């Protein structure tokens, strides 16, 4: 089943994000290589693909896991959590409807 993982950043998280980004992306690439990643990306703090020093306010990952517990465990091990980027993370089951 698919799960939506939404991380909400702490204020002024950009430097912490940049430091932890390689490890964060490595885990996402591993999901992608196994065909389990539907999409992933950050929420820009400004209405722009490149928010510059304003940074980001959080992230969305939609990926396939065996169950909610597995999705939560994967989310809990995210390098952004260890680095203090995320103030909170929610994990919810997700049903993809469109595009079919």
PDB file of N, CA and C in Angstrom:
ATOM      1  N   UNK A   1       0.844  -1.177   0.000  1.00  0.00           N
ATOM      2  CA  UNK A   1       0.000   0.000   0.000  1.00  0.00           C
ATOM      3  C   UNK A   1       0.889   1.240   0.000  1.00  0.00           C
ATOM      4  N   UNK A   2       0.326   2.332  -0.538  1.00  0.00           N
ATOM      5  CA  UNK A   2       1.047   3.598  -0.537  1.00  0.00           C
ATOM      6  C   UNK A   2       0.818   4.333   0.776  1.00  0.00           C
ATOM      7  N   UNK A   3       1.833   5.122   1.177  1.00  0.00           N
ATOM      8  CA  UNK A   3       1.759   5.941   2.380  1.00  0.00           C
ATOM      9  C   UNK A   3       2.320   7.320   2.059  1.00  0.00           C
ATOM     10  N   UNK A   4       1.652   8.353   2.593  1.00  0.00           N
ATOM     11  CA  UNK A   4       2.129   9.722   2.466  1.00  0.00           C
ATOM     12  C   UNK A   4       2.870  10.078   3.748  1.00  0.00           C
ATOM     13  N   UNK A   5       4.096  10.509   3.585  1.00  0.00           N
ATOM     14  CA  UNK A   5       4.930  10.929   4.707  1.00  0.00           C
ATOM     15  C   UNK A   5       5.140  12.429   4.542  1.00  0.00           C
ATOM     16  N   UNK A   6       4.667  13.195   5.522  1.00  0.00           N
ATOM     17  CA  UNK A   6       4.771  14.651   5.459  1.00  0.00           C
ATOM     18  C   UNK A   6       5.597  15.128   6.646  1.00  0.00           C
ATOM     19  N   UNK A   7       6.741  15.731   6.332  1.00  0.00           N
ATOM     20  CA  UNK A   7       7.587  16.316   7.361  1.00  0.00           C
ATOM     21  C   UNK A   7       7.410  17.823   7.375  1.00  0.00           C
ATOM     22  N   UNK A   8       7.253  18.388   8.562  1.00  0.00           N
ATOM     23  CA  UNK A   8       7.159  19.842   8.731  1.00  0.00           C
ATOM     24  C   UNK A   8       8.480  20.329   9.318  1.00  0.00           C
ATOM     25  N   UNK A   9       9.126  21.251   8.620  1.00  0.00           N
ATOM     26  CA  UNK A   9      10.421  21.763   9.064  1.00  0.00           C
ATOM     27  C   UNK A   9      10.310  22.694  10.260  1.00  0.00           C
ATOM     28  N   UNK A  10      11.396  22.758  11.014  1.00  0.00           N
ATOM     29  CA  UNK A  10      11.546  23.796  12.015  1.00  0.00           C
ATOM     30  C   UNK A  10      11.808  25.107  11.267  1.00  0.00           C
ATOM     31  N   UNK A  11      11.627  26.260  11.896  1.00  0.00           N
ATOM     32  CA  UNK A  11      11.981  27.510  11.224  1.00  0.00           C
ATOM     33  C   UNK A  11      13.473  27.549  10.888  1.00  0.00           C
ATOM     34  N   UNK A  12      13.798  28.173   9.785  1.00  0.00           N
ATOM     35  CA  UNK A  12      15.194  28.372   9.375  1.00  0.00           C
ATOM     36  C   UNK A  12      15.973  27.059   9.293  1.00  0.00           C
ATOM     37  N   UNK A  13      15.401  26.070   8.637  1.00  0.00           N
ATOM     38  CA  UNK A  13      15.995  24.730   8.572  1.00  0.00           C
ATOM     39  C   UNK A  13      16.995  24.544   7.432  1.00  0.00           C
ATOM     40  N   UNK A  14      17.165  25.542   6.577  1.00  0.00           N
ATOM     41  CA  UNK A  14      17.905  25.341   5.336  1.00  0.00           C
ATOM     42  C   UNK A  14      19.307  24.762   5.545  1.00  0.00           C
ATOM     43  N   UNK A  15      20.100  25.310   6.439  1.00  0.00           N
ATOM     44  CA  UNK A  15      21.461  24.793   6.635  1.00  0.00           C
ATOM     45  C   UNK A  15      21.464  23.356   7.148  1.00  0.00           C
ATOM     46  N   UNK A  16      20.544  23.035   8.047  1.00  0.00           N
ATOM     47  CA  UNK A  16      20.433  21.655   8.531  1.00  0.00           C
ATOM     48  C   UNK A  16      20.033  20.727   7.387  1.00  0.00           C
ATOM     49  N   UNK A  17      19.098  21.174   6.544  1.00  0.00           N
ATOM     50  CA  UNK A  17      18.665  20.396   5.378  1.00  0.00           C
ATOM     51  C   UNK A  17      19.836  20.110   4.452  1.00  0.00           C
ATOM     52  N   UNK A  18      20.583  21.154   4.138  1.00  0.00           N
ATOM     53  CA  UNK A  18      21.691  20.984   3.203  1.00  0.00           C
ATOM     54  C   UNK A  18      22.721  19.994   3.726  1.00  0.00           C
ATOM     55  N   UNK A  19      22.986  20.037   5.019  1.00  0.00           N
ATOM     56  CA  UNK A  19      23.960  19.111   5.610  1.00  0.00           C
ATOM     57  C   UNK A  19      23.480  17.662   5.558  1.00  0.00           C
ATOM     58  N   UNK A  20      22.191  17.441   5.790  1.00  0.00           N
ATOM     59  CA  UNK A  20      21.648  16.078   5.855  1.00  0.00           C
ATOM     60  C   UNK A  20      21.123  15.581   4.511  1.00  0.00           C
ATOM     61  N   UNK A  21      21.079  16.442   3.516  1.00  0.00           N
ATOM     62  CA  UNK A  21      20.461  16.098   2.231  1.00  0.00           C
ATOM     63  C   UNK A  21      21.071  14.877   1.540  1.00  0.00           C
ATOM     64  N   UNK A  22      22.392  14.728   1.468  1.00  0.00           N
ATOM     65  CA  UNK A  22      22.927  13.537   0.781  1.00  0.00           C
ATOM     66  C   UNK A  22      22.419  12.223   1.379  1.00  0.00           C
ATOM     67  N   UNK A  23      22.384  12.113   2.693  1.00  0.00           N
ATOM     68  CA  UNK A  23      21.905  10.878   3.331  1.00  0.00           C
ATOM     69  C   UNK A  23      20.407  10.708   3.115  1.00  0.00           C
ATOM     70  N   UNK A  24      19.669  11.801   3.160  1.00  0.00           N
ATOM     71  CA  UNK A  24      18.226  11.768   2.922  1.00  0.00           C
ATOM     72  C   UNK A  24      17.939  11.266   1.503  1.00  0.00           C
ATOM     73  N   UNK A  25      18.645  11.827   0.518  1.00  0.00           N
ATOM     74  CA  UNK A  25      18.447  11.420  -0.875  1.00  0.00           C
ATOM     75  C   UNK A  25      18.878   9.981  -1.121  1.00  0.00           C
ATOM     76  N   UNK A  26      19.903   9.523  -0.437  1.00  0.00           N
ATOM     77  CA  UNK A  26      20.361   8.135  -0.592  1.00  0.00           C
ATOM     78  C   UNK A  26      19.243   7.157  -0.241  1.00  0.00           C
ATOM     79  N   UNK A  27      18.506   7.440   0.827  1.00  0.00           N
ATOM     80  CA  UNK A  27      17.396   6.565   1.228  1.00  0.00           C
ATOM     81  C   UNK A  27      16.263   6.617   0.201  1.00  0.00           C
ATOM     82  N   UNK A  28      16.007   7.808  -0.351  1.00  0.00           N
ATOM     83  CA  UNK A  28      14.964   7.930  -1.368  1.00  0.00           C
ATOM     84  C   UNK A  28      15.353   7.195  -2.642  1.00  0.00           C
ATOM     85  N   UNK A  29      16.626   7.286  -3.027  1.00  0.00           N
ATOM     86  CA  UNK A  29      17.091   6.551  -4.214  1.00  0.00           C
ATOM     87  C   UNK A  29      16.949   5.047  -4.006  1.00  0.00           C
ATOM     88  N   UNK A  30      17.177   4.568  -2.799  1.00  0.00           N
ATOM     89  CA  UNK A  30      17.011   3.141  -2.510  1.00  0.00           C
ATOM     90  C   UNK A  30      15.552   2.723  -2.703  1.00  0.00           C
ATOM     91  N   UNK A  31      14.612   3.558  -2.251  1.00  0.00           N
ATOM     92  CA  UNK A  31      13.185   3.265  -2.488  1.00  0.00           C
ATOM     93  C   UNK A  31      12.880   3.270  -3.983  1.00  0.00           C
ATOM     94  N   UNK A  32      13.450   4.231  -4.692  1.00  0.00           N
ATOM     95  CA  UNK A  32      13.213   4.336  -6.129  1.00  0.00           C
ATOM     96  C   UNK A  32      13.749   3.116  -6.862  1.00  0.00           C
ATOM     97  N   UNK A  33      14.919   2.657  -6.491  1.00  0.00           N
ATOM     98  CA  UNK A  33      15.532   1.505  -7.163  1.00  0.00           C
ATOM     99  C   UNK A  33      14.721   0.233  -6.984  1.00  0.00           C
ATOM    100  N   UNK A  34      13.961   0.146  -5.896  1.00  0.00           N
ATOM    101  CA  UNK A  34      13.117  -1.026  -5.687  1.00  0.00           C
ATOM    102  C   UNK A  34      11.704  -0.821  -6.223  1.00  0.00           C
ATOM    103  N   UNK A  35      11.461   0.329  -6.886  1.00  0.00           N
ATOM    104  CA  UNK A  35      10.166   0.583  -7.489  1.00  0.00           C
ATOM    105  C   UNK A  35       9.080   0.973  -6.509  1.00  0.00           C
ATOM    106  N   UNK A  36       9.466   1.417  -5.305  1.00  0.00           N
ATOM    107  CA  UNK A  36       8.466   1.730  -4.283  1.00  0.00           C
ATOM    108  C   UNK A  36       8.210   3.218  -4.099  1.00  0.00           C
ATOM    109  N   UNK A  37       8.971   4.077  -4.753  1.00  0.00           N
ATOM    110  CA  UNK A  37       8.812   5.520  -4.589  1.00  0.00           C
ATOM    111  C   UNK A  37       7.902   6.076  -5.683  1.00  0.00           C
ATOM    112  N   UNK A  38       6.797   6.699  -5.292  1.00  0.00           N
ATOM    113  CA  UNK A  38       5.898   7.332  -6.252  1.00  0.00           C
ATOM    114  C   UNK A  38       6.337   8.767  -6.522  1.00  0.00           C
ATOM    115  N   UNK A  39       6.612   9.517  -5.454  1.00  0.00           N
ATOM    116  CA  UNK A  39       7.102  10.885  -5.606  1.00  0.00           C
ATOM    117  C   UNK A  39       7.709  11.358  -4.295  1.00  0.00           C
ATOM    118  N   UNK A  40       8.552  12.377  -4.397  1.00  0.00           N
ATOM    119  CA  UNK A  40       9.169  12.968  -3.214  1.00  0.00           C
ATOM    120  C   UNK A  40       9.651  14.365  -3.560  1.00  0.00           C
ATOM    121  N   UNK A  41       9.555  15.264  -2.606  1.00  0.00           N
ATOM    122  CA  UNK A  41      10.069  16.607  -2.808  1.00  0.00           C
ATOM    123  C   UNK A  41       9.729  17.520  -1.654  1.00  0.00           C
ATOM    124  N   UNK A  42      10.399  18.683  -1.632  1.00  0.00           N
ATOM    125  CA  UNK A  42      10.187  19.644  -0.551  1.00  0.00           C
ATOM    126  C   UNK A  42       9.102  20.671  -0.893  1.00  0.00           C
ATOM    127  N   UNK A  43       8.631  21.366   0.141  1.00  0.00           N
ATOM    128  CA  UNK A  43       7.703  22.475   0.000  1.00  0.00           C
ATOM    129  C   UNK A  43       8.513  23.772   0.078  1.00  0.00           C
ATOM    130  N   UNK A  44       8.691  24.480  -1.038  1.00  0.00           N
ATOM    131  CA  UNK A  44       9.421  25.745  -0.985  1.00  0.00           C
ATOM    132  C   UNK A  44       8.711  26.756  -0.080  1.00  0.00           C
ATOM    133  N   UNK A  45       9.488  27.540   0.648  1.00  0.00           N
ATOM    134  CA  UNK A  45       8.928  28.554   1.537  1.00  0.00           C
ATOM    135  C   UNK A  45       8.329  29.722   0.752  1.00  0.00           C
ATOM    136  N   UNK A  46       8.749  29.886  -0.497  1.00  0.00           N
ATOM    137  CA  UNK A  46       8.232  30.925  -1.377  1.00  0.00           C
ATOM    138  C   UNK A  46       7.597  30.272  -2.604  1.00  0.00           C
ATOM    139  N   UNK A  47       6.817  31.031  -3.324  1.00  0.00           N
ATOM    140  CA  UNK A  47       6.184  30.533  -4.547  1.00  0.00           C
ATOM    141  C   UNK A  47       7.215  30.506  -5.669  1.00  0.00           C
ATOM    142  N   UNK A  48       8.172  29.586  -5.545  1.00  0.00           N
ATOM    143  CA  UNK A  48       9.272  29.499  -6.490  1.00  0.00           C
ATOM    144  C   UNK A  48       9.917  28.125  -6.382  1.00  0.00           C
ATOM    145  N   UNK A  49      10.363  27.584  -7.516  1.00  0.00           N
ATOM    146  CA  UNK A  49      11.090  26.317  -7.471  1.00  0.00           C
ATOM    147  C   UNK A  49      12.418  26.451  -6.748  1.00  0.00           C
ATOM    148  N   UNK A  50      12.985  27.662  -6.751  1.00  0.00           N
ATOM    149  CA  UNK A  50      14.244  27.924  -6.052  1.00  0.00           C
ATOM    150  C   UNK A  50      14.021  29.044  -5.047  1.00  0.00           C
ATOM    151  N   UNK A  51      13.663  28.698  -3.807  1.00  0.00           N
ATOM    152  CA  UNK A  51      13.353  29.721  -2.817  1.00  0.00           C
ATOM    153  C   UNK A  51      14.584  30.405  -2.223  1.00  0.00           C
ATOM    154  N   UNK A  52      15.774  29.994  -2.666  1.00  0.00           N
ATOM    155  CA  UNK A  52      16.994  30.617  -2.167  1.00  0.00           C
ATOM    156  C   UNK A  52      17.115  30.486  -0.655  1.00  0.00           C
ATOM    157  N   UNK A  53      17.566  31.540   0.016  1.00  0.00           N
ATOM    158  CA  UNK A  53      17.791  31.451   1.459  1.00  0.00           C
ATOM    159  C   UNK A  53      16.514  31.284   2.282  1.00  0.00           C
ATOM    160  N   UNK A  54      15.330  31.499   1.665  1.00  0.00           N
ATOM    161  CA  UNK A  54      14.080  31.273   2.394  1.00  0.00           C
ATOM    162  C   UNK A  54      13.903  29.797   2.713  1.00  0.00           C
ATOM    163  N   UNK A  55      14.491  28.942   1.882  1.00  0.00           N
ATOM    164  CA  UNK A  55      14.486  27.507   2.142  1.00  0.00           C
ATOM    165  C   UNK A  55      13.142  26.842   1.928  1.00  0.00           C
ATOM    166  N   UNK A  56      12.867  25.864   2.769  1.00  0.00           N
ATOM    167  CA  UNK A  56      11.710  24.995   2.616  1.00  0.00           C
ATOM    168  C   UNK A  56      10.966  24.875   3.937  1.00  0.00           C
ATOM    169  N   UNK A  57       9.691  24.518   3.842  1.00  0.00           N
ATOM    170  CA  UNK A  57       8.867  24.385   5.046  1.00  0.00           C
ATOM    171  C   UNK A  57       8.564  22.940   5.402  1.00  0.00           C
ATOM    172  N   UNK A  58       8.984  22.016   4.566  1.00  0.00           N
ATOM    173  CA  UNK A  58       8.721  20.607   4.822  1.00  0.00           C
ATOM    174  C   UNK A  58       8.919  19.783   3.573  1.00  0.00           C
ATOM    175  N   UNK A  59       8.488  18.527   3.652  1.00  0.00           N
ATOM    176  CA  UNK A  59       8.667  17.588   2.541  1.00  0.00           C
ATOM    177  C   UNK A  59       7.481  16.642   2.453  1.00  0.00           C
ATOM    178  N   UNK A  60       7.275  16.118   1.238  1.00  0.00           N
ATOM    179  CA  UNK A  60       6.263  15.088   0.996  1.00  0.00           C
ATOM    180  C   UNK A  60       6.934  13.913   0.307  1.00  0.00           C
ATOM    181  N   UNK A  61       6.679  12.729   0.827  1.00  0.00           N
ATOM    182  CA  UNK A  61       7.141  11.487   0.209  1.00  0.00           C
ATOM    183  C   UNK A  61       5.923  10.586   0.102  1.00  0.00           C
ATOM    184  N   UNK A  62       5.684  10.032  -1.065  1.00  0.00           N
ATOM    185  CA  UNK A  62       4.643   9.020  -1.238  1.00  0.00           C
ATOM    186  C   UNK A  62       5.340   7.770  -1.753  1.00  0.00           C
ATOM    187  N   UNK A  63       5.246   6.713  -0.965  1.00  0.00           N
ATOM    188  CA  UNK A  63       5.969   5.486  -1.291  1.00  0.00           C
ATOM    189  C   UNK A  63       5.193   4.272  -0.810  1.00  0.00           C
ATOM    190  N   UNK A  64       5.564   3.123  -1.352  1.00  0.00           N
ATOM    191  CA  UNK A  64       4.907   1.864  -1.015  1.00  0.00           C
ATOM    192  C   UNK A  64       5.657   1.160   0.113  1.00  0.00           C
ATOM    193  N   UNK A  65       4.887   0.716   1.099  1.00  0.00           N
ATOM    194  CA  UNK A  65       5.429  -0.064   2.211  1.00  0.00           C
ATOM    195  C   UNK A  65       4.470  -1.215   2.493  1.00  0.00           C
ATOM    196  N   UNK A  66       4.928  -2.221   3.211  1.00  0.00           N
ATOM    197  CA  UNK A  66       4.089  -3.383   3.514  1.00  0.00           C
ATOM    198  C   UNK A  66       2.915  -3.031   4.413  1.00  0.00           C
ATOM    199  N   UNK A  67       3.122  -2.069   5.324  1.00  0.00           N
ATOM    200  CA  UNK A  67       2.075  -1.687   6.260  1.00  0.00           C
ATOM    201  C   UNK A  67       2.436  -0.349   6.902  1.00  0.00           C
ATOM    202  N   UNK A  68       1.519   0.192   7.685  1.00  0.00           N
ATOM    203  CA  UNK A  68       1.726   1.480   8.329  1.00  0.00           C
ATOM    204  C   UNK A  68       2.929   1.462   9.264  1.00  0.00           C
ATOM    205  N   UNK A  69       3.117   0.362   9.989  1.00  0.00           N
ATOM    206  CA  UNK A  69       4.258   0.257  10.887  1.00  0.00           C
ATOM    207  C   UNK A  69       5.586   0.350  10.151  1.00  0.00           C
ATOM    208  N   UNK A  70       5.669  -0.290   8.992  1.00  0.00           N
ATOM    209  CA  UNK A  70       6.897  -0.243   8.195  1.00  0.00           C
ATOM    210  C   UNK A  70       7.137   1.165   7.652  1.00  0.00           C
ATOM    211  N   UNK A  71       6.069   1.833   7.226  1.00  0.00           N
ATOM    212  CA  UNK A  71       6.201   3.198   6.731  1.00  0.00           C
ATOM    213  C   UNK A  71       6.639   4.137   7.850  1.00  0.00           C
ATOM    214  N   UNK A  72       6.059   3.964   9.026  1.00  0.00           N
ATOM    215  CA  UNK A  72       6.418   4.807  10.172  1.00  0.00           C
ATOM    216  C   UNK A  72       7.868   4.573  10.592  1.00  0.00           C
ATOM    217  N   UNK A  73       8.283   3.318  10.602  1.00  0.00           N
ATOM    218  CA  UNK A  73       9.671   3.003  10.966  1.00  0.00           C
ATOM    219  C   UNK A  73      10.647   3.615   9.965  1.00  0.00           C
ATOM    220  N   UNK A  74      10.315   3.549   8.687  1.00  0.00           N
ATOM    221  CA  UNK A  74      11.178   4.149   7.663  1.00  0.00           C
ATOM    222  C   UNK A  74      11.251   5.658   7.871  1.00  0.00           C
ATOM    223  N   UNK A  75      10.096   6.290   8.101  1.00  0.00           N
ATOM    224  CA  UNK A  75      10.060   7.739   8.313  1.00  0.00           C
ATOM    225  C   UNK A  75      10.838   8.138   9.560  1.00  0.00           C
ATOM    226  N   UNK A  76      10.720   7.353  10.617  1.00  0.00           N
ATOM    227  CA  UNK A  76      11.412   7.664  11.876  1.00  0.00           C
ATOM    228  C   UNK A  76      12.929   7.633  11.732  1.00  0.00           C
ATOM    229  N   UNK A  77      13.424   6.887  10.748  1.00  0.00           N
ATOM    230  CA  UNK A  77      14.874   6.756  10.544  1.00  0.00           C
ATOM    231  C   UNK A  77      15.427   7.777   9.545  1.00  0.00           C
ATOM    232  N   UNK A  78      14.611   8.725   9.121  1.00  0.00           N
ATOM    233  CA  UNK A  78      15.057   9.711   8.130  1.00  0.00           C
ATOM    234  C   UNK A  78      16.177  10.582   8.697  1.00  0.00           C
ATOM    235  N   UNK A  79      17.226  10.807   7.929  1.00  0.00           N
ATOM    236  CA  UNK A  79      18.318  11.677   8.386  1.00  0.00           C
ATOM    237  C   UNK A  79      17.865  13.099   8.733  1.00  0.00           C
ATOM    238  N   UNK A  80      16.794  13.571   8.128  1.00  0.00           N
ATOM    239  CA  UNK A  80      16.294  14.899   8.481  1.00  0.00           C
ATOM    240  C   UNK A  80      15.779  14.937   9.918  1.00  0.00           C
ATOM    241  N   UNK A  81      15.287  13.825  10.429  1.00  0.00           N
ATOM    242  CA  UNK A  81      14.872  13.775  11.832  1.00  0.00           C
ATOM    243  C   UNK A  81      16.099  13.824  12.724  1.00  0.00           C
ATOM    244  N   UNK A  82      17.084  12.994  12.414  1.00  0.00           N
ATOM    245  CA  UNK A  82      18.308  12.964  13.223  1.00  0.00           C
ATOM    246  C   UNK A  82      19.014  14.317  13.225  1.00  0.00           C
ATOM    247  N   UNK A  83      18.931  15.046  12.103  1.00  0.00           N
ATOM    248  CA  UNK A  83      19.601  16.341  11.991  1.00  0.00           C
ATOM    249  C   UNK A  83      18.785  17.486  12.592  1.00  0.00           C
ATOM    250  N   UNK A  84      17.559  17.214  13.000  1.00  0.00           N
ATOM    251  CA  UNK A  84      16.727  18.252  13.586  1.00  0.00           C
ATOM    252  C   UNK A  84      16.025  19.141  12.577  1.00  0.00           C
ATOM    253  N   UNK A  85      15.925  18.703  11.326  1.00  0.00           N
ATOM    254  CA  UNK A  85      15.241  19.479  10.283  1.00  0.00           C
ATOM    255  C   UNK A  85      13.736  19.498  10.532  1.00  0.00           C
ATOM    256  N   UNK A  86      13.166  18.336  10.821  1.00  0.00           N
ATOM    257  CA  UNK A  86      11.721  18.226  10.976  1.00  0.00           C
ATOM    258  C   UNK A  86      11.285  18.505  12.411  1.00  0.00           C
ATOM    259  N   UNK A  87      10.270  19.353  12.545  1.00  0.00           N
ATOM    260  CA  UNK A  87       9.621  19.565  13.838  1.00  0.00           C
ATOM    261  C   UNK A  87       8.629  18.445  14.108  1.00  0.00           C
ATOM    262  N   UNK A  88       8.017  17.925  13.026  1.00  0.00           N
ATOM    263  CA  UNK A  88       7.059  16.828  13.153  1.00  0.00           C
ATOM    264  C   UNK A  88       6.970  16.082  11.832  1.00  0.00           C
ATOM    265  N   UNK A  89       6.516  14.830  11.925  1.00  0.00           N
ATOM    266  CA  UNK A  89       6.331  13.985  10.746  1.00  0.00           C
ATOM    267  C   UNK A  89       5.029  13.219  10.918  1.00  0.00           C
ATOM    268  N   UNK A  90       4.208  13.219   9.866  1.00  0.00           N
ATOM    269  CA  UNK A  90       3.001  12.392   9.895  1.00  0.00           C
ATOM    270  C   UNK A  90       3.094  11.348   8.793  1.00  0.00           C
ATOM    271  N   UNK A  91       2.546  10.182   9.074  1.00  0.00           N
ATOM    272  CA  UNK A  91       2.530   9.080   8.115  1.00  0.00           C
ATOM    273  C   UNK A  91       1.085   8.595   8.032  1.00  0.00           C
ATOM    274  N   UNK A  92       0.554   8.602   6.797  1.00  0.00           N
ATOM    275  CA  UNK A  92      -0.847   8.206   6.610  1.00  0.00           C
ATOM    276  C   UNK A  92      -0.956   7.307   5.379  1.00  0.00           C
ATOM    277  N   UNK A  93      -1.888   6.335   5.418  1.00  0.00           N
ATOM    278  CA  UNK A  93      -2.171   5.562   4.221  1.00  0.00           C
ATOM    279  C   UNK A  93      -2.646   6.517   3.115  1.00  0.00           C
ATOM    280  N   UNK A  94      -2.291   6.182   1.869  1.00  0.00           N
ATOM    281  CA  UNK A  94      -2.606   7.027   0.726  1.00  0.00           C
ATOM    282  C   UNK A  94      -3.151   6.154  -0.401  1.00  0.00           C
ATOM    283  N   UNK A  95      -4.269   6.569  -0.962  1.00  0.00           N
ATOM    284  CA  UNK A  95      -4.861   5.847  -2.089  1.00  0.00           C
ATOM    285  C   UNK A  95      -4.722   6.710  -3.331  1.00  0.00           C
ATOM    286  N   UNK A  96      -3.913   6.263  -4.278  1.00  0.00           N
ATOM    287  CA  UNK A  96      -3.730   6.971  -5.544  1.00  0.00           C
ATOM    288  C   UNK A  96      -4.944   6.700  -6.429  1.00  0.00           C
ATOM    289  N   UNK A  97      -5.573   7.763  -6.907  1.00  0.00           N
ATOM    290  CA  UNK A  97      -6.724   7.640  -7.787  1.00  0.00           C
ATOM    291  C   UNK A  97      -6.353   8.103  -9.200  1.00  0.00           C
ATOM    292  N   UNK A  98      -5.718   9.265  -9.301  1.00  0.00           N
ATOM    293  CA  UNK A  98      -5.344   9.824 -10.590  1.00  0.00           C
ATOM    294  C   UNK A  98      -3.911  10.327 -10.544  1.00  0.00           C
ATOM    295  N   UNK A  99      -3.196  10.316 -11.621  1.00  0.00           N
ATOM    296  CA  UNK A  99      -3.589   9.684 -12.865  1.00  0.00           C
ATOM    297  C   UNK A  99      -3.629   8.169 -12.736  1.00  0.00           C
ATOM    298  N   UNK A 100      -4.500   7.572 -13.506  1.00  0.00           N
ATOM    299  CA  UNK A 100      -4.704   6.116 -13.448  1.00  0.00           C
ATOM    300  C   UNK A 100      -3.533   5.393 -14.086  1.00  0.00           C
TER     301      UNK A 100
END
